Amino acid sequence: MAWYHEHISETPGVCGGYPCIRRSRVSVRLVIEGLRQGATFDDLLQRWPHLRREQVEAAVAYYVNHPTRVEEDIRRHQEAWEQLTSEPVES
């Protein structure tokens, strides 16, 4: 088992069953999206002060080794956002 698996879990009903940092609701998707938007590890640790650096590093390592799974979560969230924002608001 890879070292990062001790920090990453996939649990039905938690973060949609997609990978997240164990004992948190911070998904690997959020870490990767934050980094893609220019955040540094220190920025992410300020955003989520309950996390340790090795947990954020584990999320990145998980992504490097399982990009398809994380990209699926990113795509699913993007599609849901597009659907929500394209529907007319009822008054």
PDB file of N, CA and C in Angstrom:
ATOM      1  N   MET A   1       0.852  -1.182   0.000  1.00  0.00           N
ATOM      2  CA  MET A   1       0.000   0.000   0.000  1.00  0.00           C
ATOM      3  C   MET A   1       0.894   1.241   0.000  1.00  0.00           C
ATOM      4  N   ALA A   2       0.539   2.203  -0.798  1.00  0.00           N
ATOM      5  CA  ALA A   2       1.303   3.446  -0.897  1.00  0.00           C
ATOM      6  C   ALA A   2       1.161   4.264   0.390  1.00  0.00           C
ATOM      7  N   TRP A   3       2.176   5.046   0.702  1.00  0.00           N
ATOM      8  CA  TRP A   3       2.207   5.820   1.954  1.00  0.00           C
ATOM      9  C   TRP A   3       1.030   6.770   2.104  1.00  0.00           C
ATOM     10  N   TYR A   4       0.564   7.329   0.991  1.00  0.00           N
ATOM     11  CA  TYR A   4      -0.488   8.339   1.065  1.00  0.00           C
ATOM     12  C   TYR A   4      -1.843   7.757   1.446  1.00  0.00           C
ATOM     13  N   HIS A   5      -2.015   6.447   1.308  1.00  0.00           N
ATOM     14  CA  HIS A   5      -3.308   5.842   1.636  1.00  0.00           C
ATOM     15  C   HIS A   5      -3.648   5.957   3.119  1.00  0.00           C
ATOM     16  N   GLU A   6      -2.664   6.125   3.985  1.00  0.00           N
ATOM     17  CA  GLU A   6      -2.980   6.290   5.404  1.00  0.00           C
ATOM     18  C   GLU A   6      -3.663   7.631   5.671  1.00  0.00           C
ATOM     19  N   HIS A   7      -3.554   8.570   4.732  1.00  0.00           N
ATOM     20  CA  HIS A   7      -4.151   9.895   4.898  1.00  0.00           C
ATOM     21  C   HIS A   7      -5.392  10.119   4.034  1.00  0.00           C
ATOM     22  N   ILE A   8      -5.670   9.241   3.094  1.00  0.00           N
ATOM     23  CA  ILE A   8      -6.764   9.429   2.140  1.00  0.00           C
ATOM     24  C   ILE A   8      -7.774   8.296   2.299  1.00  0.00           C
ATOM     25  N   SER A   9      -9.059   8.648   2.270  1.00  0.00           N
ATOM     26  CA  SER A   9     -10.100   7.625   2.350  1.00  0.00           C
ATOM     27  C   SER A   9     -11.187   7.907   1.323  1.00  0.00           C
ATOM     28  N   GLU A  10     -11.903   6.858   0.979  1.00  0.00           N
ATOM     29  CA  GLU A  10     -13.088   6.964   0.126  1.00  0.00           C
ATOM     30  C   GLU A  10     -14.198   6.236   0.868  1.00  0.00           C
ATOM     31  N   THR A  11     -15.159   7.013   1.373  1.00  0.00           N
ATOM     32  CA  THR A  11     -16.227   6.458   2.202  1.00  0.00           C
ATOM     33  C   THR A  11     -17.568   6.857   1.610  1.00  0.00           C
ATOM     34  N   PRO A  12     -18.446   5.886   1.343  1.00  0.00           N
ATOM     35  CA  PRO A  12     -19.769   6.236   0.834  1.00  0.00           C
ATOM     36  C   PRO A  12     -20.443   7.244   1.769  1.00  0.00           C
ATOM     37  N   GLY A  13     -21.026   8.285   1.186  1.00  0.00           N
ATOM     38  CA  GLY A  13     -21.716   9.298   1.968  1.00  0.00           C
ATOM     39  C   GLY A  13     -20.829  10.435   2.465  1.00  0.00           C
ATOM     40  N   VAL A  14     -19.526  10.317   2.281  1.00  0.00           N
ATOM     41  CA  VAL A  14     -18.599  11.384   2.672  1.00  0.00           C
ATOM     42  C   VAL A  14     -17.956  11.911   1.402  1.00  0.00           C
ATOM     43  N   CYS A  15     -18.143  13.187   1.129  1.00  0.00           N
ATOM     44  CA  CYS A  15     -17.606  13.817  -0.094  1.00  0.00           C
ATOM     45  C   CYS A  15     -18.055  13.070  -1.343  1.00  0.00           C
ATOM     46  N   GLY A  16     -19.276  12.612  -1.331  1.00  0.00           N
ATOM     47  CA  GLY A  16     -19.817  11.903  -2.487  1.00  0.00           C
ATOM     48  C   GLY A  16     -19.151  10.561  -2.753  1.00  0.00           C
ATOM     49  N   GLY A  17     -18.411  10.047  -1.780  1.00  0.00           N
ATOM     50  CA  GLY A  17     -17.708   8.785  -1.959  1.00  0.00           C
ATOM     51  C   GLY A  17     -16.374   8.941  -2.663  1.00  0.00           C
ATOM     52  N   TYR A  18     -16.031  10.163  -3.008  1.00  0.00           N
ATOM     53  CA  TYR A  18     -14.755  10.423  -3.685  1.00  0.00           C
ATOM     54  C   TYR A  18     -13.644  10.595  -2.646  1.00  0.00           C
ATOM     55  N   PRO A  19     -12.386  10.522  -3.072  1.00  0.00           N
ATOM     56  CA  PRO A  19     -11.284  10.575  -2.112  1.00  0.00           C
ATOM     57  C   PRO A  19     -11.202  11.902  -1.365  1.00  0.00           C
ATOM     58  N   CYS A  20     -10.996  11.786  -0.061  1.00  0.00           N
ATOM     59  CA  CYS A  20     -10.826  12.965   0.775  1.00  0.00           C
ATOM     60  C   CYS A  20      -9.766  12.666   1.832  1.00  0.00           C
ATOM     61  N   ILE A  21      -9.324  13.704   2.475  1.00  0.00           N
ATOM     62  CA  ILE A  21      -8.346  13.540   3.540  1.00  0.00           C
ATOM     63  C   ILE A  21      -9.060  12.908   4.724  1.00  0.00           C
ATOM     64  N   ARG A  22      -8.504  11.812   5.177  1.00  0.00           N
ATOM     65  CA  ARG A  22      -9.110  11.018   6.245  1.00  0.00           C
ATOM     66  C   ARG A  22      -9.464  11.878   7.455  1.00  0.00           C
ATOM     67  N   ARG A  23     -10.627  11.603   8.026  1.00  0.00           N
ATOM     68  CA  ARG A  23     -11.158  12.304   9.195  1.00  0.00           C
ATOM     69  C   ARG A  23     -11.365  13.803   8.939  1.00  0.00           C
ATOM     70  N   SER A  24     -11.650  14.131   7.684  1.00  0.00           N
ATOM     71  CA  SER A  24     -11.996  15.513   7.337  1.00  0.00           C
ATOM     72  C   SER A  24     -12.986  15.444   6.182  1.00  0.00           C
ATOM     73  N   ARG A  25     -13.494  16.569   5.809  1.00  0.00           N
ATOM     74  CA  ARG A  25     -14.350  16.630   4.632  1.00  0.00           C
ATOM     75  C   ARG A  25     -13.667  17.445   3.549  1.00  0.00           C
ATOM     76  N   VAL A  26     -12.358  17.465   3.592  1.00  0.00           N
ATOM     77  CA  VAL A  26     -11.576  18.148   2.563  1.00  0.00           C
ATOM     78  C   VAL A  26     -11.242  17.104   1.495  1.00  0.00           C
ATOM     79  N   SER A  27     -11.829  17.278   0.330  1.00  0.00           N
ATOM     80  CA  SER A  27     -11.616  16.305  -0.736  1.00  0.00           C
ATOM     81  C   SER A  27     -10.284  16.552  -1.443  1.00  0.00           C
ATOM     82  N   VAL A  28      -9.790  15.500  -2.056  1.00  0.00           N
ATOM     83  CA  VAL A  28      -8.595  15.628  -2.884  1.00  0.00           C
ATOM     84  C   VAL A  28      -8.883  16.624  -4.001  1.00  0.00           C
ATOM     85  N   ARG A  29     -10.098  16.620  -4.507  1.00  0.00           N
ATOM     86  CA  ARG A  29     -10.517  17.566  -5.546  1.00  0.00           C
ATOM     87  C   ARG A  29     -10.284  19.004  -5.111  1.00  0.00           C
ATOM     88  N   LEU A  30     -10.659  19.357  -3.884  1.00  0.00           N
ATOM     89  CA  LEU A  30     -10.481  20.731  -3.408  1.00  0.00           C
ATOM     90  C   LEU A  30      -9.011  21.113  -3.323  1.00  0.00           C
ATOM     91  N   VAL A  31      -8.176  20.179  -2.902  1.00  0.00           N
ATOM     92  CA  VAL A  31      -6.740  20.452  -2.833  1.00  0.00           C
ATOM     93  C   VAL A  31      -6.194  20.714  -4.231  1.00  0.00           C
ATOM     94  N   ILE A  32      -6.534  19.842  -5.167  1.00  0.00           N
ATOM     95  CA  ILE A  32      -6.020  19.976  -6.535  1.00  0.00           C
ATOM     96  C   ILE A  32      -6.560  21.251  -7.190  1.00  0.00           C
ATOM     97  N   GLU A  33      -7.835  21.535  -7.014  1.00  0.00           N
ATOM     98  CA  GLU A  33      -8.389  22.762  -7.594  1.00  0.00           C
ATOM     99  C   GLU A  33      -7.725  23.993  -6.991  1.00  0.00           C
ATOM    100  N   GLY A  34      -7.466  23.975  -5.695  1.00  0.00           N
ATOM    101  CA  GLY A  34      -6.781  25.096  -5.060  1.00  0.00           C
ATOM    102  C   GLY A  34      -5.398  25.316  -5.647  1.00  0.00           C
ATOM    103  N   LEU A  35      -4.651  24.241  -5.822  1.00  0.00           N
ATOM    104  CA  LEU A  35      -3.310  24.349  -6.405  1.00  0.00           C
ATOM    105  C   LEU A  35      -3.378  24.837  -7.849  1.00  0.00           C
ATOM    106  N   ARG A  36      -4.354  24.369  -8.597  1.00  0.00           N
ATOM    107  CA  ARG A  36      -4.516  24.816  -9.987  1.00  0.00           C
ATOM    108  C   ARG A  36      -4.844  26.302 -10.063  1.00  0.00           C
ATOM    109  N   GLN A  37      -5.480  26.825  -9.041  1.00  0.00           N
ATOM    110  CA  GLN A  37      -5.836  28.252  -9.015  1.00  0.00           C
ATOM    111  C   GLN A  37      -4.704  29.106  -8.470  1.00  0.00           C
ATOM    112  N   GLY A  38      -3.560  28.484  -8.178  1.00  0.00           N
ATOM    113  CA  GLY A  38      -2.396  29.241  -7.764  1.00  0.00           C
ATOM    114  C   GLY A  38      -2.094  29.245  -6.276  1.00  0.00           C
ATOM    115  N   ALA A  39      -2.879  28.532  -5.490  1.00  0.00           N
ATOM    116  CA  ALA A  39      -2.612  28.464  -4.056  1.00  0.00           C
ATOM    117  C   ALA A  39      -1.335  27.668  -3.806  1.00  0.00           C
ATOM    118  N   THR A  40      -0.635  28.007  -2.753  1.00  0.00           N
ATOM    119  CA  THR A  40       0.536  27.246  -2.323  1.00  0.00           C
ATOM    120  C   THR A  40       0.104  26.286  -1.223  1.00  0.00           C
ATOM    121  N   PHE A  41       1.006  25.388  -0.850  1.00  0.00           N
ATOM    122  CA  PHE A  41       0.704  24.494   0.270  1.00  0.00           C
ATOM    123  C   PHE A  41       0.405  25.315   1.517  1.00  0.00           C
ATOM    124  N   ASP A  42       1.183  26.371   1.739  1.00  0.00           N
ATOM    125  CA  ASP A  42       0.954  27.216   2.913  1.00  0.00           C
ATOM    126  C   ASP A  42      -0.422  27.876   2.861  1.00  0.00           C
ATOM    127  N   ASP A  43      -0.851  28.308   1.669  1.00  0.00           N
ATOM    128  CA  ASP A  43      -2.192  28.882   1.522  1.00  0.00           C
ATOM    129  C   ASP A  43      -3.258  27.861   1.927  1.00  0.00           C
ATOM    130  N   LEU A  44      -3.093  26.634   1.462  1.00  0.00           N
ATOM    131  CA  LEU A  44      -4.074  25.596   1.771  1.00  0.00           C
ATOM    132  C   LEU A  44      -4.085  25.275   3.259  1.00  0.00           C
ATOM    133  N   LEU A  45      -2.915  25.280   3.868  1.00  0.00           N
ATOM    134  CA  LEU A  45      -2.846  25.010   5.306  1.00  0.00           C
ATOM    135  C   LEU A  45      -3.466  26.152   6.113  1.00  0.00           C
ATOM    136  N   GLN A  46      -3.414  27.367   5.608  1.00  0.00           N
ATOM    137  CA  GLN A  46      -4.110  28.479   6.265  1.00  0.00           C
ATOM    138  C   GLN A  46      -5.617  28.339   6.077  1.00  0.00           C
ATOM    139  N   ARG A  47      -6.029  27.885   4.896  1.00  0.00           N
ATOM    140  CA  ARG A  47      -7.454  27.694   4.606  1.00  0.00           C
ATOM    141  C   ARG A  47      -8.046  26.600   5.489  1.00  0.00           C
ATOM    142  N   TRP A  48      -7.262  25.539   5.704  1.00  0.00           N
ATOM    143  CA  TRP A  48      -7.702  24.402   6.505  1.00  0.00           C
ATOM    144  C   TRP A  48      -6.699  24.163   7.639  1.00  0.00           C
ATOM    145  N   PRO A  49      -6.736  24.981   8.684  1.00  0.00           N
ATOM    146  CA  PRO A  49      -5.717  24.893   9.738  1.00  0.00           C
ATOM    147  C   PRO A  49      -5.737  23.589  10.525  1.00  0.00           C
ATOM    148  N   HIS A  50      -6.798  22.812  10.387  1.00  0.00           N
ATOM    149  CA  HIS A  50      -6.858  21.523  11.081  1.00  0.00           C
ATOM    150  C   HIS A  50      -6.053  20.436  10.357  1.00  0.00           C
ATOM    151  N   LEU A  51      -5.565  20.732   9.141  1.00  0.00           N
ATOM    152  CA  LEU A  51      -4.777  19.754   8.387  1.00  0.00           C
ATOM    153  C   LEU A  51      -3.293  19.940   8.643  1.00  0.00           C
ATOM    154  N   ARG A  52      -2.567  18.848   8.462  1.00  0.00           N
ATOM    155  CA  ARG A  52      -1.103  18.884   8.529  1.00  0.00           C
ATOM    156  C   ARG A  52      -0.547  18.838   7.103  1.00  0.00           C
ATOM    157  N   ARG A  53       0.652  19.329   6.941  1.00  0.00           N
ATOM    158  CA  ARG A  53       1.283  19.380   5.623  1.00  0.00           C
ATOM    159  C   ARG A  53       1.306  17.994   4.948  1.00  0.00           C
ATOM    160  N   GLU A  54       1.626  16.951   5.706  1.00  0.00           N
ATOM    161  CA  GLU A  54       1.706  15.617   5.090  1.00  0.00           C
ATOM    162  C   GLU A  54       0.350  15.141   4.571  1.00  0.00           C
ATOM    163  N   GLN A  55      -0.739  15.647   5.149  1.00  0.00           N
ATOM    164  CA  GLN A  55      -2.058  15.290   4.634  1.00  0.00           C
ATOM    165  C   GLN A  55      -2.301  15.944   3.270  1.00  0.00           C
ATOM    166  N   VAL A  56      -1.901  17.193   3.131  1.00  0.00           N
ATOM    167  CA  VAL A  56      -2.046  17.879   1.840  1.00  0.00           C
ATOM    168  C   VAL A  56      -1.116  17.232   0.812  1.00  0.00           C
ATOM    169  N   GLU A  57       0.091  16.903   1.216  1.00  0.00           N
ATOM    170  CA  GLU A  57       1.022  16.203   0.326  1.00  0.00           C
ATOM    171  C   GLU A  57       0.452  14.855  -0.099  1.00  0.00           C
ATOM    172  N   ALA A  58      -0.226  14.179   0.816  1.00  0.00           N
ATOM    173  CA  ALA A  58      -0.841  12.887   0.487  1.00  0.00           C
ATOM    174  C   ALA A  58      -1.945  13.056  -0.550  1.00  0.00           C
ATOM    175  N   ALA A  59      -2.711  14.154  -0.454  1.00  0.00           N
ATOM    176  CA  ALA A  59      -3.759  14.416  -1.446  1.00  0.00           C
ATOM    177  C   ALA A  59      -3.144  14.590  -2.827  1.00  0.00           C
ATOM    178  N   VAL A  60      -2.029  15.299  -2.905  1.00  0.00           N
ATOM    179  CA  VAL A  60      -1.346  15.497  -4.189  1.00  0.00           C
ATOM    180  C   VAL A  60      -0.796  14.162  -4.691  1.00  0.00           C
ATOM    181  N   ALA A  61      -0.204  13.391  -3.815  1.00  0.00           N
ATOM    182  CA  ALA A  61       0.336  12.076  -4.210  1.00  0.00           C
ATOM    183  C   ALA A  61      -0.792  11.169  -4.696  1.00  0.00           C
ATOM    184  N   TYR A  62      -1.938  11.224  -4.037  1.00  0.00           N
ATOM    185  CA  TYR A  62      -3.083  10.433  -4.484  1.00  0.00           C
ATOM    186  C   TYR A  62      -3.465  10.835  -5.904  1.00  0.00           C
ATOM    187  N   TYR A  63      -3.532  12.135  -6.138  1.00  0.00           N
ATOM    188  CA  TYR A  63      -3.886  12.621  -7.476  1.00  0.00           C
ATOM    189  C   TYR A  63      -2.881  12.153  -8.526  1.00  0.00           C
ATOM    190  N   VAL A  64      -1.610  12.237  -8.223  1.00  0.00           N
ATOM    191  CA  VAL A  64      -0.567  11.823  -9.171  1.00  0.00           C
ATOM    192  C   VAL A  64      -0.745  10.352  -9.544  1.00  0.00           C
ATOM    193  N   ASN A  65      -1.164   9.542  -8.579  1.00  0.00           N
ATOM    194  CA  ASN A  65      -1.303   8.109  -8.810  1.00  0.00           C
ATOM    195  C   ASN A  65      -2.689   7.681  -9.273  1.00  0.00           C
ATOM    196  N   HIS A  66      -3.701   8.534  -9.082  1.00  0.00           N
ATOM    197  CA  HIS A  66      -5.083   8.200  -9.462  1.00  0.00           C
ATOM    198  C   HIS A  66      -5.768   9.404 -10.106  1.00  0.00           C
ATOM    199  N   PRO A  67      -5.175   9.974 -11.146  1.00  0.00           N
ATOM    200  CA  PRO A  67      -5.760  11.195 -11.721  1.00  0.00           C
ATOM    201  C   PRO A  67      -7.168  11.001 -12.272  1.00  0.00           C
ATOM    202  N   THR A  68      -7.463   9.850 -12.813  1.00  0.00           N
ATOM    203  CA  THR A  68      -8.784   9.621 -13.408  1.00  0.00           C
ATOM    204  C   THR A  68      -9.883   9.741 -12.360  1.00  0.00           C
ATOM    205  N   ARG A  69      -9.634   9.206 -11.174  1.00  0.00           N
ATOM    206  CA  ARG A  69     -10.637   9.255 -10.105  1.00  0.00           C
ATOM    207  C   ARG A  69     -10.897  10.693  -9.658  1.00  0.00           C
ATOM    208  N   VAL A  70      -9.849  11.470  -9.508  1.00  0.00           N
ATOM    209  CA  VAL A  70      -9.993  12.857  -9.054  1.00  0.00           C
ATOM    210  C   VAL A  70     -10.599  13.712 -10.167  1.00  0.00           C
ATOM    211  N   GLU A  71     -10.165  13.505 -11.399  1.00  0.00           N
ATOM    212  CA  GLU A  71     -10.731  14.268 -12.526  1.00  0.00           C
ATOM    213  C   GLU A  71     -12.221  13.970 -12.673  1.00  0.00           C
ATOM    214  N   GLU A  72     -12.636  12.745 -12.379  1.00  0.00           N
ATOM    215  CA  GLU A  72     -14.058  12.399 -12.411  1.00  0.00           C
ATOM    216  C   GLU A  72     -14.834  13.240 -11.394  1.00  0.00           C
ATOM    217  N   ASP A  73     -14.283  13.390 -10.200  1.00  0.00           N
ATOM    218  CA  ASP A  73     -14.919  14.208  -9.168  1.00  0.00           C
ATOM    219  C   ASP A  73     -14.959  15.676  -9.595  1.00  0.00           C
ATOM    220  N   ILE A  74     -13.875  16.171 -10.162  1.00  0.00           N
ATOM    221  CA  ILE A  74     -13.828  17.555 -10.646  1.00  0.00           C
ATOM    222  C   ILE A  74     -14.889  17.766 -11.727  1.00  0.00           C
ATOM    223  N   ARG A  75     -14.953  16.843 -12.668  1.00  0.00           N
ATOM    224  CA  ARG A  75     -15.931  16.942 -13.759  1.00  0.00           C
ATOM    225  C   ARG A  75     -17.364  16.886 -13.212  1.00  0.00           C
ATOM    226  N   ARG A  76     -17.625  15.995 -12.280  1.00  0.00           N
ATOM    227  CA  ARG A  76     -18.960  15.851 -11.705  1.00  0.00           C
ATOM    228  C   ARG A  76     -19.394  17.139 -11.001  1.00  0.00           C
ATOM    229  N   HIS A  77     -18.486  17.751 -10.259  1.00  0.00           N
ATOM    230  CA  HIS A  77     -18.814  19.000  -9.585  1.00  0.00           C
ATOM    231  C   HIS A  77     -19.021  20.146 -10.574  1.00  0.00           C
ATOM    232  N   GLN A  78     -18.204  20.188 -11.615  1.00  0.00           N
ATOM    233  CA  GLN A  78     -18.360  21.234 -12.632  1.00  0.00           C
ATOM    234  C   GLN A  78     -19.708  21.109 -13.340  1.00  0.00           C
ATOM    235  N   GLU A  79     -20.093  19.877 -13.679  1.00  0.00           N
ATOM    236  CA  GLU A  79     -21.389  19.670 -14.333  1.00  0.00           C
ATOM    237  C   GLU A  79     -22.545  20.072 -13.418  1.00  0.00           C
ATOM    238  N   ALA A  80     -22.446  19.733 -12.136  1.00  0.00           N
ATOM    239  CA  ALA A  80     -23.497  20.107 -11.189  1.00  0.00           C
ATOM    240  C   ALA A  80     -23.592  21.629 -11.061  1.00  0.00           C
ATOM    241  N   TRP A  81     -22.426  22.304 -11.010  1.00  0.00           N
ATOM    242  CA  TRP A  81     -22.411  23.766 -10.908  1.00  0.00           C
ATOM    243  C   TRP A  81     -23.041  24.397 -12.151  1.00  0.00           C
ATOM    244  N   GLU A  82     -22.685  23.885 -13.318  1.00  0.00           N
ATOM    245  CA  GLU A  82     -23.242  24.420 -14.561  1.00  0.00           C
ATOM    246  C   GLU A  82     -24.750  24.235 -14.608  1.00  0.00           C
ATOM    247  N   GLN A  83     -25.223  23.102 -14.144  1.00  0.00           N
ATOM    248  CA  GLN A  83     -26.657  22.857 -14.124  1.00  0.00           C
ATOM    249  C   GLN A  83     -27.355  23.810 -13.153  1.00  0.00           C
ATOM    250  N   LEU A  84     -26.777  23.994 -11.982  1.00  0.00           N
ATOM    251  CA  LEU A  84     -27.377  24.896 -10.991  1.00  0.00           C
ATOM    252  C   LEU A  84     -27.413  26.337 -11.474  1.00  0.00           C
ATOM    253  N   THR A  85     -26.362  26.773 -12.121  1.00  0.00           N
ATOM    254  CA  THR A  85     -26.285  28.173 -12.537  1.00  0.00           C
ATOM    255  C   THR A  85     -27.020  28.448 -13.837  1.00  0.00           C
ATOM    256  N   SER A  86     -27.391  27.425 -14.569  1.00  0.00           N
ATOM    257  CA  SER A  86     -28.104  27.655 -15.827  1.00  0.00           C
ATOM    258  C   SER A  86     -29.614  27.590 -15.666  1.00  0.00           C
ATOM    259  N   GLU A  87     -30.076  27.071 -14.536  1.00  0.00           N
ATOM    260  CA  GLU A  87     -31.507  26.977 -14.308  1.00  0.00           C
ATOM    261  C   GLU A  87     -32.063  28.316 -13.850  1.00  0.00           C
ATOM    262  N   PRO A  88     -33.218  28.711 -14.366  1.00  0.00           N
ATOM    263  CA  PRO A  88     -33.803  29.991 -13.925  1.00  0.00           C
ATOM    264  C   PRO A  88     -34.214  29.913 -12.462  1.00  0.00           C
ATOM    265  N   VAL A  89     -34.051  31.022 -11.772  1.00  0.00           N
ATOM    266  CA  VAL A  89     -34.416  31.105 -10.358  1.00  0.00           C
ATOM    267  C   VAL A  89     -35.902  31.401 -10.261  1.00  0.00           C
ATOM    268  N   GLU A  90     -36.598  30.570  -9.502  1.00  0.00           N
ATOM    269  CA  GLU A  90     -38.039  30.799  -9.318  1.00  0.00           C
ATOM    270  C   GLU A  90     -38.249  31.829  -8.233  1.00  0.00           C
ATOM    271  N   SER A  91     -39.226  32.728  -8.484  1.00  0.00           N
ATOM    272  CA  SER A  91     -39.501  33.750  -7.462  1.00  0.00           C
ATOM    273  C   SER A  91     -40.889  33.576  -6.889  1.00  0.00           C
TER     274      SER A  91
END
